[in-house]
Amino acid sequence: MNRRIRNLISPLALPGIVLSGLLLMGAPEAMAATTTPYTQAAFATAIANHTPVVIHIEASWCPTCARQKLVLKGLENDPHYAALDILDVDFDSQRLVVQQFGATMQSTLIAFHDGKEALRAAGITSKSEIETLLNAAVQG
């Protein structure tokens, strides 16, 4: 093999070997927030385990809710929110749950920290406002 080509390949070989070894071992699970449909059992478990929770009261026909979902989706993989549970409440089909949380409209976000409501907002769509709400759940 040509010395020049060998000198080019050699520095690249070790990282490639290490990377292939990591791929064979399997990558560690990504730390990410979880978003699931609301159930009373899921909420009760999260509260009992002192898991930070955000309740998202949303409706399929709501453009504000759709924007909120996009922002939440973008923040899910932020390691800062790895322990966060986001529970989606359907405004139309889960009316009793909406009433239980004292919400009067869709696009309501409610942050719970250590089992207690920490912050509530309705109609917010900016990333910074939603981050503030998520931080209230995570940090209190």
N, C-alpha and C. Protein backbone atom coordinates (compact mmCIF):
# COMPACT_ATOMS: atom_id res chain seq x y z
N MET A 1 0.86 -1.18 0.00
CA MET A 1 0.00 0.00 0.00
C MET A 1 0.90 1.23 0.00
N ASN A 2 0.52 2.21 -0.72
CA ASN A 2 1.24 3.46 -0.81
C ASN A 2 1.34 4.09 0.59
N ARG A 3 2.55 4.55 0.95
CA ARG A 3 2.79 5.12 2.27
C ARG A 3 1.87 6.31 2.55
N ARG A 4 1.63 7.13 1.56
CA ARG A 4 0.77 8.31 1.73
C ARG A 4 -0.66 7.90 2.07
N ILE A 5 -1.16 6.90 1.37
CA ILE A 5 -2.53 6.41 1.64
C ILE A 5 -2.58 5.77 3.01
N ARG A 6 -1.56 4.97 3.37
CA ARG A 6 -1.52 4.32 4.68
C ARG A 6 -1.51 5.37 5.79
N ASN A 7 -0.78 6.45 5.63
CA ASN A 7 -0.75 7.52 6.63
C ASN A 7 -2.10 8.22 6.76
N LEU A 8 -2.84 8.27 5.68
CA LEU A 8 -4.18 8.86 5.72
C LEU A 8 -5.16 7.93 6.42
N ILE A 9 -5.08 6.66 6.14
CA ILE A 9 -6.02 5.69 6.69
C ILE A 9 -5.75 5.43 8.16
N SER A 10 -4.49 5.33 8.54
CA SER A 10 -4.11 4.97 9.90
C SER A 10 -4.78 5.83 10.97
N PRO A 11 -4.77 7.18 10.87
CA PRO A 11 -5.42 7.98 11.91
C PRO A 11 -6.93 7.77 11.96
N LEU A 12 -7.51 7.34 10.85
CA LEU A 12 -8.96 7.13 10.81
C LEU A 12 -9.35 5.75 11.29
N ALA A 13 -8.41 4.82 11.31
CA ALA A 13 -8.72 3.44 11.65
C ALA A 13 -9.16 3.27 13.09
N LEU A 14 -8.45 3.84 14.05
CA LEU A 14 -8.78 3.66 15.46
C LEU A 14 -10.18 4.18 15.80
N PRO A 15 -10.53 5.42 15.40
CA PRO A 15 -11.90 5.87 15.69
C PRO A 15 -12.94 4.96 15.05
N GLY A 16 -12.66 4.47 13.87
CA GLY A 16 -13.60 3.56 13.20
C GLY A 16 -13.78 2.27 13.96
N ILE A 17 -12.69 1.73 14.47
CA ILE A 17 -12.74 0.50 15.24
C ILE A 17 -13.53 0.73 16.54
N VAL A 18 -13.25 1.84 17.20
CA VAL A 18 -13.95 2.16 18.44
C VAL A 18 -15.43 2.33 18.16
N LEU A 19 -15.78 3.07 17.11
CA LEU A 19 -17.17 3.30 16.76
C LEU A 19 -17.88 1.99 16.44
N SER A 20 -17.24 1.12 15.67
CA SER A 20 -17.88 -0.15 15.33
C SER A 20 -18.09 -0.99 16.59
N GLY A 21 -17.15 -0.92 17.54
CA GLY A 21 -17.31 -1.63 18.80
C GLY A 21 -18.50 -1.11 19.59
N LEU A 22 -18.66 0.21 19.60
CA LEU A 22 -19.80 0.79 20.29
C LEU A 22 -21.11 0.38 19.65
N LEU A 23 -21.12 0.32 18.34
CA LEU A 23 -22.33 -0.09 17.65
C LEU A 23 -22.68 -1.53 17.97
N LEU A 24 -21.68 -2.38 18.07
CA LEU A 24 -21.93 -3.78 18.41
C LEU A 24 -22.43 -3.93 19.84
N MET A 25 -21.91 -3.08 20.75
CA MET A 25 -22.33 -3.15 22.14
C MET A 25 -23.72 -2.57 22.33
N GLY A 26 -24.12 -1.72 21.43
CA GLY A 26 -25.41 -1.05 21.57
C GLY A 26 -25.22 0.29 22.25
N ALA A 27 -25.89 1.28 21.72
CA ALA A 27 -25.79 2.62 22.28
C ALA A 27 -26.62 2.70 23.54
N PRO A 28 -26.22 3.53 24.50
CA PRO A 28 -27.05 3.69 25.69
C PRO A 28 -28.37 4.31 25.31
N GLU A 29 -29.38 3.98 26.09
CA GLU A 29 -30.71 4.53 25.81
C GLU A 29 -30.69 6.05 25.93
N ALA A 30 -31.34 6.70 24.99
CA ALA A 30 -31.39 8.16 25.00
C ALA A 30 -32.24 8.63 26.18
N MET A 31 -31.80 9.68 26.81
CA MET A 31 -32.56 10.26 27.90
C MET A 31 -33.53 11.26 27.28
N ALA A 32 -34.80 11.04 27.50
CA ALA A 32 -35.78 11.91 26.88
C ALA A 32 -37.04 11.96 27.74
N ALA A 33 -37.73 13.07 27.65
CA ALA A 33 -39.03 13.18 28.28
C ALA A 33 -39.97 12.21 27.58
N THR A 34 -41.01 11.79 28.27
CA THR A 34 -41.99 10.91 27.64
C THR A 34 -43.32 11.64 27.53
N THR A 35 -43.97 11.47 26.38
CA THR A 35 -45.29 12.04 26.16
C THR A 35 -46.25 10.88 25.93
N THR A 36 -47.28 10.79 26.76
CA THR A 36 -48.27 9.72 26.65
C THR A 36 -49.66 10.28 26.91
N PRO A 37 -50.68 9.56 26.46
CA PRO A 37 -52.04 9.99 26.79
C PRO A 37 -52.27 9.93 28.31
N TYR A 38 -53.05 10.85 28.80
CA TYR A 38 -53.36 10.91 30.22
C TYR A 38 -54.21 9.72 30.64
N THR A 39 -53.81 9.12 31.75
CA THR A 39 -54.68 8.20 32.50
C THR A 39 -54.52 8.57 33.96
N GLN A 40 -55.55 8.32 34.74
CA GLN A 40 -55.47 8.61 36.17
C GLN A 40 -54.34 7.80 36.80
N ALA A 41 -54.18 6.56 36.36
CA ALA A 41 -53.12 5.69 36.91
C ALA A 41 -51.73 6.25 36.60
N ALA A 42 -51.51 6.71 35.37
CA ALA A 42 -50.21 7.27 35.00
C ALA A 42 -49.91 8.52 35.82
N PHE A 43 -50.91 9.36 36.00
CA PHE A 43 -50.72 10.59 36.78
C PHE A 43 -50.43 10.25 38.24
N ALA A 44 -51.22 9.33 38.80
CA ALA A 44 -51.04 8.95 40.21
C ALA A 44 -49.65 8.33 40.44
N THR A 45 -49.20 7.50 39.52
CA THR A 45 -47.87 6.88 39.63
C THR A 45 -46.78 7.94 39.58
N ALA A 46 -46.89 8.87 38.64
CA ALA A 46 -45.90 9.93 38.52
C ALA A 46 -45.84 10.78 39.79
N ILE A 47 -46.99 11.13 40.32
CA ILE A 47 -47.04 11.94 41.53
C ILE A 47 -46.45 11.16 42.71
N ALA A 48 -46.81 9.88 42.85
CA ALA A 48 -46.31 9.05 43.94
C ALA A 48 -44.79 8.88 43.86
N ASN A 49 -44.25 8.85 42.64
CA ASN A 49 -42.81 8.68 42.44
C ASN A 49 -42.04 10.00 42.41
N HIS A 50 -42.74 11.10 42.67
CA HIS A 50 -42.14 12.45 42.65
C HIS A 50 -41.53 12.76 41.28
N THR A 51 -42.16 12.24 40.23
CA THR A 51 -41.73 12.51 38.86
C THR A 51 -42.30 13.86 38.44
N PRO A 52 -41.49 14.72 37.83
CA PRO A 52 -42.05 15.98 37.31
C PRO A 52 -43.03 15.67 36.18
N VAL A 53 -44.17 16.35 36.20
CA VAL A 53 -45.25 16.09 35.24
C VAL A 53 -45.74 17.39 34.64
N VAL A 54 -46.02 17.34 33.35
CA VAL A 54 -46.74 18.44 32.70
C VAL A 54 -48.01 17.84 32.09
N ILE A 55 -49.12 18.43 32.46
CA ILE A 55 -50.41 18.05 31.86
C ILE A 55 -50.62 19.00 30.68
N HIS A 56 -50.89 18.42 29.51
CA HIS A 56 -51.17 19.23 28.32
C HIS A 56 -52.61 18.96 27.91
N ILE A 57 -53.47 19.93 28.16
CA ILE A 57 -54.87 19.80 27.77
C ILE A 57 -54.98 20.34 26.36
N GLU A 58 -55.27 19.42 25.43
CA GLU A 58 -55.21 19.78 24.02
C GLU A 58 -56.41 19.21 23.26
N ALA A 59 -56.59 19.74 22.06
CA ALA A 59 -57.67 19.27 21.18
C ALA A 59 -57.11 19.13 19.77
N SER A 60 -57.56 18.12 19.06
CA SER A 60 -57.04 17.85 17.72
C SER A 60 -57.31 19.00 16.75
N TRP A 61 -58.34 19.77 16.99
CA TRP A 61 -58.74 20.85 16.08
C TRP A 61 -58.11 22.20 16.46
N CYS A 62 -57.31 22.22 17.51
CA CYS A 62 -56.78 23.47 18.07
C CYS A 62 -55.41 23.80 17.46
N PRO A 63 -55.29 24.91 16.69
CA PRO A 63 -54.00 25.28 16.11
C PRO A 63 -52.96 25.67 17.17
N THR A 64 -53.38 26.26 18.26
CA THR A 64 -52.46 26.62 19.34
C THR A 64 -51.88 25.35 19.97
N CYS A 65 -52.73 24.36 20.17
CA CYS A 65 -52.27 23.07 20.73
C CYS A 65 -51.26 22.41 19.80
N ALA A 66 -51.49 22.50 18.50
CA ALA A 66 -50.57 21.91 17.52
C ALA A 66 -49.21 22.59 17.61
N ARG A 67 -49.19 23.91 17.78
CA ARG A 67 -47.91 24.63 17.93
C ARG A 67 -47.22 24.22 19.23
N GLN A 68 -48.01 24.09 20.30
CA GLN A 68 -47.44 23.64 21.58
C GLN A 68 -46.82 22.26 21.43
N LYS A 69 -47.52 21.36 20.75
CA LYS A 69 -47.00 20.00 20.56
C LYS A 69 -45.67 20.01 19.81
N LEU A 70 -45.56 20.88 18.81
CA LEU A 70 -44.30 20.98 18.06
C LEU A 70 -43.15 21.43 18.97
N VAL A 71 -43.42 22.42 19.81
CA VAL A 71 -42.38 22.91 20.73
C VAL A 71 -42.03 21.82 21.74
N LEU A 72 -43.05 21.17 22.30
CA LEU A 72 -42.80 20.10 23.27
C LEU A 72 -42.00 18.97 22.63
N LYS A 73 -42.34 18.60 21.41
CA LYS A 73 -41.62 17.54 20.70
C LYS A 73 -40.15 17.94 20.53
N GLY A 74 -39.91 19.20 20.20
CA GLY A 74 -38.55 19.68 20.04
C GLY A 74 -37.74 19.67 21.32
N LEU A 75 -38.41 19.78 22.46
CA LEU A 75 -37.73 19.81 23.75
C LEU A 75 -37.62 18.44 24.42
N GLU A 76 -38.35 17.45 23.90
CA GLU A 76 -38.36 16.12 24.51
C GLU A 76 -36.97 15.52 24.68
N ASN A 77 -36.09 15.72 23.72
CA ASN A 77 -34.77 15.09 23.77
C ASN A 77 -33.72 15.90 24.52
N ASP A 78 -34.11 17.03 25.07
CA ASP A 78 -33.19 17.82 25.89
C ASP A 78 -32.94 17.04 27.18
N PRO A 79 -31.70 16.70 27.49
CA PRO A 79 -31.40 15.92 28.70
C PRO A 79 -31.91 16.56 29.99
N HIS A 80 -32.08 17.87 29.97
CA HIS A 80 -32.59 18.58 31.15
C HIS A 80 -34.00 18.08 31.52
N TYR A 81 -34.74 17.60 30.52
CA TYR A 81 -36.12 17.17 30.75
C TYR A 81 -36.26 15.65 30.72
N ALA A 82 -35.15 14.92 30.91
CA ALA A 82 -35.16 13.46 30.79
C ALA A 82 -36.15 12.79 31.75
N ALA A 83 -36.33 13.34 32.93
CA ALA A 83 -37.20 12.71 33.93
C ALA A 83 -38.66 13.15 33.80
N LEU A 84 -38.95 14.04 32.88
CA LEU A 84 -40.27 14.65 32.76
C LEU A 84 -41.28 13.73 32.07
N ASP A 85 -42.47 13.64 32.63
CA ASP A 85 -43.60 12.97 31.98
C ASP A 85 -44.56 14.05 31.49
N ILE A 86 -44.91 13.99 30.21
CA ILE A 86 -45.92 14.89 29.65
C ILE A 86 -47.14 14.04 29.36
N LEU A 87 -48.26 14.40 29.97
CA LEU A 87 -49.49 13.63 29.81
C LEU A 87 -50.50 14.48 29.04
N ASP A 88 -50.94 13.96 27.89
CA ASP A 88 -51.90 14.66 27.03
C ASP A 88 -53.33 14.33 27.45
N VAL A 89 -54.09 15.36 27.73
CA VAL A 89 -55.51 15.22 28.05
C VAL A 89 -56.30 15.73 26.85
N ASP A 90 -57.20 14.91 26.34
CA ASP A 90 -58.04 15.32 25.21
C ASP A 90 -59.19 16.18 25.72
N PHE A 91 -59.20 17.44 25.30
CA PHE A 91 -60.19 18.41 25.77
C PHE A 91 -61.62 17.97 25.50
N ASP A 92 -61.84 17.29 24.38
CA ASP A 92 -63.20 16.90 23.98
C ASP A 92 -63.66 15.59 24.62
N SER A 93 -62.81 14.59 24.70
CA SER A 93 -63.25 13.29 25.18
C SER A 93 -62.98 13.04 26.66
N GLN A 94 -62.17 13.90 27.29
CA GLN A 94 -61.86 13.72 28.71
C GLN A 94 -62.31 14.94 29.52
N ARG A 95 -63.57 15.31 29.34
CA ARG A 95 -64.11 16.52 29.97
C ARG A 95 -64.02 16.48 31.50
N LEU A 96 -64.23 15.31 32.09
CA LEU A 96 -64.14 15.21 33.56
C LEU A 96 -62.72 15.48 34.04
N VAL A 97 -61.74 15.02 33.29
CA VAL A 97 -60.34 15.26 33.65
C VAL A 97 -60.02 16.75 33.51
N VAL A 98 -60.52 17.36 32.43
CA VAL A 98 -60.32 18.79 32.22
C VAL A 98 -60.88 19.56 33.42
N GLN A 99 -62.08 19.17 33.88
CA GLN A 99 -62.69 19.81 35.04
C GLN A 99 -61.89 19.54 36.31
N GLN A 100 -61.39 18.30 36.44
CA GLN A 100 -60.59 17.93 37.61
C GLN A 100 -59.39 18.86 37.77
N PHE A 101 -58.80 19.25 36.65
CA PHE A 101 -57.63 20.13 36.70
C PHE A 101 -58.03 21.61 36.70
N GLY A 102 -59.32 21.90 36.68
CA GLY A 102 -59.79 23.28 36.73
C GLY A 102 -59.46 24.08 35.49
N ALA A 103 -59.29 23.40 34.37
CA ALA A 103 -58.99 24.09 33.11
C ALA A 103 -60.29 24.54 32.45
N THR A 104 -60.23 25.68 31.82
CA THR A 104 -61.41 26.21 31.14
C THR A 104 -61.26 26.20 29.62
N MET A 105 -60.06 25.88 29.15
CA MET A 105 -59.86 25.87 27.71
C MET A 105 -58.76 24.89 27.32
N GLN A 106 -58.80 24.49 26.05
CA GLN A 106 -57.71 23.68 25.50
C GLN A 106 -56.46 24.56 25.44
N SER A 107 -55.34 23.97 25.14
CA SER A 107 -54.02 24.63 25.09
C SER A 107 -53.56 25.07 26.48
N THR A 108 -54.03 24.35 27.50
CA THR A 108 -53.61 24.62 28.87
C THR A 108 -52.49 23.66 29.23
N LEU A 109 -51.43 24.19 29.80
CA LEU A 109 -50.29 23.41 30.29
C LEU A 109 -50.19 23.61 31.79
N ILE A 110 -50.06 22.50 32.53
CA ILE A 110 -49.98 22.58 33.99
C ILE A 110 -48.75 21.78 34.43
N ALA A 111 -47.82 22.45 35.10
CA ALA A 111 -46.60 21.81 35.58
C ALA A 111 -46.78 21.38 37.03
N PHE A 112 -46.36 20.15 37.33
CA PHE A 112 -46.37 19.63 38.70
C PHE A 112 -44.95 19.28 39.10
N HIS A 113 -44.56 19.79 40.26
CA HIS A 113 -43.24 19.47 40.82
C HIS A 113 -43.46 18.90 42.21
N ASP A 114 -42.88 17.75 42.46
CA ASP A 114 -42.98 17.09 43.77
C ASP A 114 -44.43 16.95 44.23
N GLY A 115 -45.30 16.61 43.26
CA GLY A 115 -46.69 16.34 43.58
C GLY A 115 -47.60 17.54 43.70
N LYS A 116 -47.06 18.74 43.52
CA LYS A 116 -47.87 19.95 43.66
C LYS A 116 -47.82 20.78 42.39
N GLU A 117 -48.92 21.45 42.10
CA GLU A 117 -48.93 22.33 40.94
C GLU A 117 -47.91 23.45 41.14
N ALA A 118 -47.04 23.61 40.14
CA ALA A 118 -45.99 24.62 40.23
C ALA A 118 -46.25 25.82 39.33
N LEU A 119 -46.88 25.58 38.17
CA LEU A 119 -47.13 26.66 37.22
C LEU A 119 -48.19 26.21 36.24
N ARG A 120 -48.97 27.18 35.76
CA ARG A 120 -50.04 26.91 34.80
C ARG A 120 -50.06 28.02 33.77
N ALA A 121 -50.31 27.66 32.52
CA ALA A 121 -50.42 28.66 31.46
C ALA A 121 -51.35 28.13 30.38
N ALA A 122 -52.04 29.04 29.72
CA ALA A 122 -52.93 28.67 28.62
C ALA A 122 -52.58 29.52 27.41
N GLY A 123 -52.54 28.87 26.27
CA GLY A 123 -52.34 29.59 25.02
C GLY A 123 -50.90 29.97 24.70
N ILE A 124 -49.94 29.56 25.51
CA ILE A 124 -48.55 29.92 25.22
C ILE A 124 -47.99 29.02 24.11
N THR A 125 -47.18 29.61 23.24
CA THR A 125 -46.60 28.83 22.14
C THR A 125 -45.12 29.09 21.92
N SER A 126 -44.57 30.09 22.59
CA SER A 126 -43.14 30.36 22.37
C SER A 126 -42.30 29.33 23.12
N LYS A 127 -41.17 29.01 22.54
CA LYS A 127 -40.28 28.03 23.14
C LYS A 127 -39.85 28.48 24.54
N SER A 128 -39.53 29.75 24.70
CA SER A 128 -39.04 30.23 26.00
C SER A 128 -40.13 30.13 27.08
N GLU A 129 -41.37 30.44 26.74
CA GLU A 129 -42.46 30.34 27.71
C GLU A 129 -42.71 28.88 28.10
N ILE A 130 -42.67 28.01 27.10
CA ILE A 130 -42.89 26.58 27.38
C ILE A 130 -41.73 26.01 28.18
N GLU A 131 -40.50 26.44 27.89
CA GLU A 131 -39.35 26.01 28.68
C GLU A 131 -39.49 26.45 30.14
N THR A 132 -39.99 27.66 30.36
CA THR A 132 -40.21 28.15 31.72
C THR A 132 -41.17 27.22 32.46
N LEU A 133 -42.22 26.80 31.76
CA LEU A 133 -43.21 25.91 32.37
C LEU A 133 -42.57 24.54 32.65
N LEU A 134 -41.83 23.99 31.70
CA LEU A 134 -41.18 22.70 31.91
C LEU A 134 -40.18 22.77 33.06
N ASN A 135 -39.46 23.89 33.13
CA ASN A 135 -38.49 24.08 34.22
C ASN A 135 -39.17 24.11 35.57
N ALA A 136 -40.38 24.65 35.63
CA ALA A 136 -41.14 24.67 36.88
C ALA A 136 -41.45 23.26 37.33
N ALA A 137 -41.71 22.37 36.38
CA ALA A 137 -41.98 20.97 36.72
C ALA A 137 -40.70 20.27 37.18
N VAL A 138 -39.61 20.53 36.49
CA VAL A 138 -38.35 19.83 36.76
C VAL A 138 -37.65 20.39 38.00
N GLN A 139 -37.65 21.72 38.14
CA GLN A 139 -36.88 22.34 39.21
C GLN A 139 -37.72 22.82 40.38
N GLY A 140 -38.98 23.02 40.14
CA GLY A 140 -39.85 23.53 41.20
C GLY A 140 -39.93 25.00 41.29
